Amino acid sequence: MHTTDVPVGGVEPAVAVADEVPPRRLPRFWLLELLGAILLPPALAYVAVRWNEPAVQAWRTVCIAITMQALPFLLLGTALSGAINAFVPARVFGRLLPRRPALAVPVAGVAGVVLPGCECASVPVANSLIGRGVTPAAAFAFLLSAPAVNPVVLTATAVAFPGSPGMVLARLLASLATAAAMGWLWLWLGREEWLKPAVRHTGHVPGGSRWREFRRGFQHDFLHAGGFLVLGAMAAATFNVAVPRSVLDTFSGSPWLSVLFLAALAIVLAVCSEADAFLAASLTGFSPLARLTFMVVGPMVDLKLIALQAGTFGRAFAIRFSAATAVVAVVCSALTGGVLL
């Protein structure tokens, strides 16, 4: 028995096979696996031996903080992903998004305001949207905008920068511009062979239990993405401990170097979007434009997000998409900040 979902935004219909569901294979991110196999055992041994030393305590605190900060939103995202896959008919997306992919991209970007979570939540949701027939370009625009333009993040930005409504508006516009630009860029240059999501059942199988489908999808996505989240948090914690404060002071004196440095810092610190505004506000030695770049780049490109994207869509996609997103985010931040700040 076969059922065919309605295609949205030029994507081929998703077919659900009731008789046989293929096994769900995890995509391999060989570089992280190799680094983990080489570096993780000696790192754990070092931490075990020097558990009470200040540097190790700081590393442990940062790693746990990043993981625990992101975990609730990853939980939210995987729950939404499972719910979309099990309960939401594909025709719903056909009604919400324009048929033309070029128009569906900005609509999906603006729709990011409905997800009050961080980037960890947006990856499994975007994956589920693609599985339900949404054009990848629109799903990626949602993936990038949701962590940056939702009401929780904008409110936190307003609190972190009191009396600076221009910073809140600049973050909103620069983030939306980046999300839309990346969606259109995917339509123009993206290739299907770069996008290799895990093999998974999409759509509800007639006669099957929707709650069972939800439970299986949620369990798989949460455990799978959670492992990559921990790897990203460990890398970010290492950078936090290893880089001395004097390095920050060296870069803050140059306008453009400070922008590029804070963009790179946002990538490696991997701070959730709900908290990054307060960290940006604390970097008083840097210009408002540099701090805006930090807040725009961080929710869209960071170590844990790259790892999550690689685990979900494949490393070929993650490498290209993350690099392009970082460049586009810096350019949109510079253009928007130059006008509003």
Protein backbone atom coordinates (compact mmCIF):
# COMPACT_ATOMS: atom_id res chain seq x y z
CA MET A 1 0.00 0.00 0.00
CA HIS A 2 1.36 3.43 -0.95
CA THR A 3 0.26 6.94 -0.06
CA THR A 4 1.56 10.08 -1.73
CA ASP A 5 1.90 13.45 0.02
CA VAL A 6 1.34 16.73 -1.78
CA PRO A 7 4.64 18.34 -2.85
CA VAL A 8 5.44 21.79 -1.49
CA GLY A 9 7.79 24.27 -3.14
CA GLY A 10 8.89 22.09 -6.03
CA VAL A 11 9.96 19.03 -4.00
CA GLU A 12 9.12 15.54 -5.18
CA PRO A 13 6.28 13.93 -3.22
CA ALA A 14 7.27 12.00 -0.11
CA VAL A 15 6.15 8.38 -0.32
CA ALA A 16 5.27 6.38 2.75
CA VAL A 17 5.51 2.63 2.36
CA ALA A 18 3.23 0.76 4.72
CA ASP A 19 4.56 -2.71 4.01
CA GLU A 20 8.22 -2.08 4.61
CA VAL A 21 9.94 0.85 6.29
CA PRO A 22 13.68 1.05 5.53
CA PRO A 23 16.03 1.04 8.50
CA ARG A 24 17.13 4.45 9.74
CA ARG A 25 20.84 4.79 9.15
CA LEU A 26 22.92 7.45 10.84
CA PRO A 27 25.05 9.60 8.49
CA ARG A 28 28.73 9.36 9.31
CA PHE A 29 30.70 12.48 10.18
CA TRP A 30 34.09 10.80 9.88
CA LEU A 31 36.22 13.80 10.90
CA LEU A 32 34.49 14.20 14.26
CA GLU A 33 34.55 10.46 14.81
CA LEU A 34 38.30 10.32 14.05
CA LEU A 35 39.09 13.28 16.27
CA GLY A 36 36.93 11.83 19.02
CA ALA A 37 38.66 8.45 18.82
CA ILE A 38 42.11 10.07 18.93
CA LEU A 39 41.58 12.92 21.37
CA LEU A 40 38.79 11.83 23.69
CA PRO A 41 40.61 9.05 25.64
CA PRO A 42 43.68 11.16 26.57
CA ALA A 43 41.46 14.16 27.27
CA LEU A 44 39.31 12.16 29.67
CA ALA A 45 42.42 10.71 31.29
CA TYR A 46 43.84 14.21 31.76
CA VAL A 47 40.58 15.47 33.24
CA ALA A 48 40.40 12.50 35.59
CA VAL A 49 43.95 13.04 36.84
CA ARG A 50 43.66 16.82 37.21
CA TRP A 51 40.00 16.94 38.19
CA ASN A 52 40.42 19.56 40.91
CA GLU A 53 42.77 21.94 39.08
CA PRO A 54 41.25 25.37 38.27
CA ALA A 55 41.65 25.05 34.48
CA VAL A 56 39.95 21.66 34.43
CA GLN A 57 37.19 22.91 36.70
CA ALA A 58 36.61 25.85 34.35
CA TRP A 59 36.53 23.52 31.32
CA ARG A 60 34.11 21.19 33.07
CA THR A 61 31.85 24.07 34.09
CA VAL A 62 31.70 25.59 30.60
CA CYS A 63 31.12 22.24 28.90
CA ILE A 64 28.30 21.30 31.25
CA ALA A 65 26.80 24.80 31.07
CA ILE A 66 26.66 24.79 27.25
CA THR A 67 25.20 21.29 27.17
CA MET A 68 22.58 21.94 29.85
CA GLN A 69 21.70 25.31 28.32
CA ALA A 70 21.05 23.75 24.93
CA LEU A 71 19.48 20.48 26.07
CA PRO A 72 15.95 21.79 26.84
CA PHE A 73 15.74 23.39 23.41
CA LEU A 74 17.07 20.29 21.71
CA LEU A 75 14.35 18.40 23.58
CA LEU A 76 11.78 20.90 22.31
CA GLY A 77 13.07 20.66 18.75
CA THR A 78 13.08 16.89 18.58
CA ALA A 79 9.59 16.78 20.10
CA LEU A 80 8.37 19.23 17.45
CA SER A 81 10.12 17.19 14.77
CA GLY A 82 8.40 13.99 15.87
CA ALA A 83 5.04 15.73 16.14
CA ILE A 84 5.33 17.24 12.66
CA ASN A 85 6.26 13.89 11.16
CA ALA A 86 3.51 11.94 12.91
CA PHE A 87 0.58 14.33 13.18
CA VAL A 88 0.83 17.14 10.63
CA PRO A 89 -0.43 16.35 7.10
CA ALA A 90 1.72 17.57 4.22
CA ARG A 91 -1.20 19.60 2.86
CA VAL A 92 -0.86 21.97 5.84
CA PHE A 93 2.48 23.20 4.52
CA GLY A 94 0.99 23.56 1.08
CA ARG A 95 -1.50 26.03 2.54
CA LEU A 96 1.00 27.98 4.63
CA LEU A 97 3.86 28.34 2.15
CA PRO A 98 3.70 29.75 -1.38
CA ARG A 99 4.10 27.24 -4.18
CA ARG A 100 7.01 29.11 -5.71
CA PRO A 101 10.21 28.26 -3.79
CA ALA A 102 11.60 31.78 -4.20
CA LEU A 103 8.56 33.16 -2.34
CA ALA A 104 8.44 30.32 0.19
CA VAL A 105 11.95 31.22 1.43
CA PRO A 106 11.16 34.64 2.98
CA VAL A 107 7.83 33.38 4.33
CA ALA A 108 9.61 30.51 6.08
CA GLY A 109 12.20 32.95 7.42
CA VAL A 110 9.54 35.16 8.98
CA ALA A 111 7.84 32.03 10.35
CA GLY A 112 10.90 31.53 12.54
CA VAL A 113 9.27 33.72 15.16
CA VAL A 114 7.02 30.81 16.18
CA LEU A 115 9.86 28.73 17.65
CA PRO A 116 11.09 30.18 20.98
CA GLY A 117 14.25 28.09 21.13
CA CYS A 118 17.89 27.99 20.11
CA GLU A 119 19.63 26.57 17.06
CA CYS A 120 19.65 23.09 18.60
CA ALA A 121 15.88 22.95 18.24
CA SER A 122 15.75 24.22 14.66
CA VAL A 123 17.87 21.46 13.07
CA PRO A 124 15.54 18.50 13.73
CA VAL A 125 12.51 20.65 12.92
CA ALA A 126 14.01 21.67 9.56
CA ASN A 127 14.80 18.03 8.84
CA SER A 128 11.24 17.04 9.57
CA LEU A 129 9.89 19.85 7.38
CA ILE A 130 11.96 18.58 4.46
CA GLY A 131 10.64 15.09 5.08
CA ARG A 132 7.10 16.46 4.93
CA GLY A 133 7.64 17.95 1.47
CA VAL A 134 8.79 21.50 2.23
CA THR A 135 11.43 22.72 -0.20
CA PRO A 136 14.88 22.54 1.46
CA ALA A 137 15.55 26.21 0.73
CA ALA A 138 12.54 27.25 2.83
CA ALA A 139 13.42 24.76 5.58
CA PHE A 140 16.95 26.14 5.76
CA ALA A 141 15.66 29.71 5.93
CA PHE A 142 13.52 28.64 8.89
CA LEU A 143 16.49 26.82 10.43
CA LEU A 144 18.58 30.01 10.39
CA SER A 145 15.91 32.52 11.39
CA ALA A 146 14.16 30.63 14.19
CA PRO A 147 17.00 30.94 16.74
CA ALA A 148 17.59 34.63 15.96
CA VAL A 149 14.21 36.34 15.46
CA ASN A 150 11.92 34.67 17.99
CA PRO A 151 10.40 36.86 20.74
CA VAL A 152 12.51 35.35 23.53
CA VAL A 153 15.79 36.27 21.83
CA LEU A 154 14.65 39.77 20.85
CA THR A 155 13.42 40.42 24.39
CA ALA A 156 16.73 39.23 25.82
CA THR A 157 18.55 41.54 23.41
CA ALA A 158 16.45 44.50 24.52
CA VAL A 159 17.22 43.71 28.16
CA ALA A 160 20.94 43.27 27.49
CA PHE A 161 21.11 46.55 25.55
CA PRO A 162 18.75 48.89 27.46
CA GLY A 163 18.01 52.14 25.68
CA SER A 164 19.31 50.74 22.36
CA PRO A 165 16.29 49.81 20.23
CA GLY A 166 18.50 50.13 17.17
CA MET A 167 20.49 47.07 18.28
CA VAL A 168 17.31 44.97 18.57
CA LEU A 169 16.05 46.14 15.16
CA ALA A 170 19.47 45.60 13.59
CA ARG A 171 19.63 42.05 14.93
CA LEU A 172 16.14 41.28 13.63
CA LEU A 173 16.74 42.67 10.13
CA ALA A 174 20.26 41.29 9.72
CA SER A 175 19.13 37.82 10.82
CA LEU A 176 16.12 37.79 8.50
CA ALA A 177 18.26 39.04 5.61
CA THR A 178 20.82 36.30 6.22
CA ALA A 179 18.18 33.57 6.41
CA ALA A 180 16.47 34.72 3.20
CA ALA A 181 19.77 35.15 1.37
CA MET A 182 20.91 31.64 2.29
CA GLY A 183 17.57 30.16 1.21
CA TRP A 184 17.83 31.86 -2.18
CA LEU A 185 21.50 30.89 -2.45
CA TRP A 186 20.53 27.26 -1.94
CA LEU A 187 17.93 27.57 -4.71
CA TRP A 188 20.62 28.96 -6.99
CA LEU A 189 23.66 26.83 -6.15
CA GLY A 190 22.47 23.98 -3.91
CA ARG A 191 22.77 20.39 -5.09
CA GLU A 192 20.81 17.39 -3.92
CA GLU A 193 23.94 15.26 -3.56
CA TRP A 194 25.18 17.60 -0.81
CA LEU A 195 22.04 16.91 1.22
CA LYS A 196 22.11 13.43 2.70
CA PRO A 197 19.65 13.23 5.59
CA ALA A 198 19.28 10.08 7.61
CA VAL A 199 17.00 7.51 6.04
CA ARG A 200 13.76 7.87 7.89
CA HIS A 201 10.08 7.17 7.47
CA THR A 202 8.22 10.33 6.45
CA GLY A 203 4.51 10.66 6.76
CA HIS A 204 1.92 8.67 8.60
CA VAL A 205 1.46 5.04 7.60
CA PRO A 206 -2.25 4.25 7.22
CA GLY A 207 -3.38 1.98 10.03
CA GLY A 208 -0.28 2.68 12.13
CA SER A 209 -0.20 4.35 15.50
CA ARG A 210 0.65 8.04 15.29
CA TRP A 211 1.87 8.05 18.90
CA ARG A 212 4.22 5.15 18.15
CA GLU A 213 5.61 7.03 15.16
CA PHE A 214 6.05 10.12 17.31
CA ARG A 215 7.86 8.18 20.03
CA ARG A 216 10.22 6.44 17.62
CA GLY A 217 11.04 9.62 15.74
CA PHE A 218 11.59 11.60 18.93
CA GLN A 219 13.81 8.94 20.48
CA HIS A 220 15.99 8.59 17.38
CA ASP A 221 16.42 12.33 16.77
CA PHE A 222 17.11 13.24 20.40
CA LEU A 223 19.72 10.54 21.01
CA HIS A 224 21.35 11.14 17.63
CA ALA A 225 21.54 14.93 17.87
CA GLY A 226 22.46 14.84 21.56
CA GLY A 227 25.74 13.08 20.85
CA PHE A 228 26.81 15.74 18.37
CA LEU A 229 25.72 18.44 20.80
CA VAL A 230 28.11 17.11 23.46
CA LEU A 231 31.02 17.04 20.98
CA GLY A 232 30.39 20.66 20.04
CA ALA A 233 30.13 21.69 23.69
CA MET A 234 33.47 20.05 24.48
CA ALA A 235 35.18 21.92 21.64
CA ALA A 236 33.67 25.23 22.73
CA ALA A 237 34.72 24.67 26.34
CA THR A 238 38.28 23.95 25.26
CA PHE A 239 38.46 27.26 23.40
CA ASN A 240 37.01 29.15 26.37
CA VAL A 241 39.73 27.83 28.66
CA ALA A 242 42.67 27.86 26.24
CA VAL A 243 42.43 31.40 24.79
CA PRO A 244 43.80 34.08 27.17
CA ARG A 245 42.07 37.39 27.80
CA SER A 246 44.95 39.32 26.24
CA VAL A 247 43.99 37.96 22.82
CA LEU A 248 40.59 39.67 23.08
CA ASP A 249 42.23 42.99 23.90
CA THR A 250 44.54 42.72 20.88
CA PHE A 251 41.69 42.49 18.37
CA SER A 252 39.32 45.04 19.89
CA GLY A 253 41.36 48.01 18.66
CA SER A 254 40.79 47.39 14.92
CA PRO A 255 37.25 48.05 13.58
CA TRP A 256 37.24 45.30 10.94
CA LEU A 257 39.44 42.83 12.76
CA SER A 258 37.12 43.15 15.75
CA VAL A 259 34.12 42.27 13.55
CA LEU A 260 35.86 39.20 12.13
CA PHE A 261 37.19 38.18 15.52
CA LEU A 262 33.80 38.33 17.24
CA ALA A 263 32.28 36.42 14.32
CA ALA A 264 34.87 33.67 14.84
CA LEU A 265 34.38 33.87 18.61
CA ALA A 266 30.63 33.36 18.21
CA ILE A 267 31.30 30.22 16.18
CA VAL A 268 33.57 28.60 18.74
CA LEU A 269 31.84 29.74 21.94
CA ALA A 270 28.55 28.11 20.85
CA VAL A 271 26.41 30.15 23.25
CA CYS A 272 22.66 29.65 22.90
CA SER A 273 20.85 32.56 21.29
CA GLU A 274 18.85 33.27 24.44
CA ALA A 275 22.09 34.10 26.30
CA ASP A 276 24.44 35.50 23.66
CA ALA A 277 23.12 39.08 23.92
CA PHE A 278 24.30 39.32 27.52
CA LEU A 279 27.73 38.04 26.55
CA ALA A 280 27.87 40.51 23.66
CA ALA A 281 26.87 43.37 25.97
CA SER A 282 29.74 42.44 28.29
CA LEU A 283 32.29 42.88 25.49
CA THR A 284 32.40 46.63 26.03
CA GLY A 285 35.81 47.01 24.38
CA PHE A 286 34.33 46.13 21.00
CA SER A 287 32.25 48.32 18.69
CA PRO A 288 28.45 47.97 18.44
CA LEU A 289 28.89 46.63 14.91
CA ALA A 290 31.24 43.90 16.11
CA ARG A 291 28.84 42.93 18.89
CA LEU A 292 25.93 42.86 16.43
CA THR A 293 27.95 40.50 14.22
CA PHE A 294 28.54 38.27 17.24
CA MET A 295 24.79 38.00 17.85
CA VAL A 296 23.88 37.41 14.20
CA VAL A 297 26.56 34.82 13.42
CA GLY A 298 26.29 32.84 16.67
CA PRO A 299 22.74 31.47 16.34
CA MET A 300 23.39 30.49 12.71
CA VAL A 301 26.93 29.08 12.77
CA ASP A 302 28.64 27.56 15.79
CA LEU A 303 30.50 24.37 16.60
CA LYS A 304 27.57 22.47 18.04
CA LEU A 305 25.28 23.59 15.21
CA ILE A 306 27.81 22.48 12.58
CA ALA A 307 28.03 19.12 14.32
CA LEU A 308 24.24 18.83 14.49
CA GLN A 309 23.89 19.73 10.81
CA ALA A 310 26.56 17.21 9.85
CA GLY A 311 24.85 14.49 11.84
CA THR A 312 21.44 15.31 10.37
CA PHE A 313 22.10 16.35 6.76
CA GLY A 314 25.64 15.05 6.12
CA ARG A 315 29.07 16.64 6.35
CA ALA A 316 29.11 17.69 2.66
CA PHE A 317 26.15 19.93 3.38
CA ALA A 318 27.38 21.15 6.78
CA ILE A 319 30.79 22.28 5.51
CA ARG A 320 29.46 24.25 2.54
CA PHE A 321 26.35 25.62 4.23
CA SER A 322 28.11 26.74 7.41
CA ALA A 323 30.94 28.46 5.54
CA ALA A 324 28.54 30.32 3.25
CA THR A 325 26.26 31.26 6.16
CA ALA A 326 29.16 32.75 8.11
CA VAL A 327 30.17 34.97 5.18
CA VAL A 328 26.60 36.07 4.42
CA ALA A 329 25.90 36.77 8.11
CA VAL A 330 28.98 38.99 8.43
CA VAL A 331 28.05 40.92 5.28
CA CYS A 332 24.41 41.39 6.35
CA SER A 333 25.52 42.47 9.84
CA ALA A 334 27.94 45.02 8.39
CA LEU A 335 25.34 46.46 6.01
CA THR A 336 22.55 46.58 8.59
CA GLY A 337 24.73 47.81 11.43
CA GLY A 338 26.32 50.45 9.26
CA VAL A 339 22.90 52.00 8.72
CA LEU A 340 21.20 51.52 12.10
CA LEU A 341 24.06 51.66 14.62
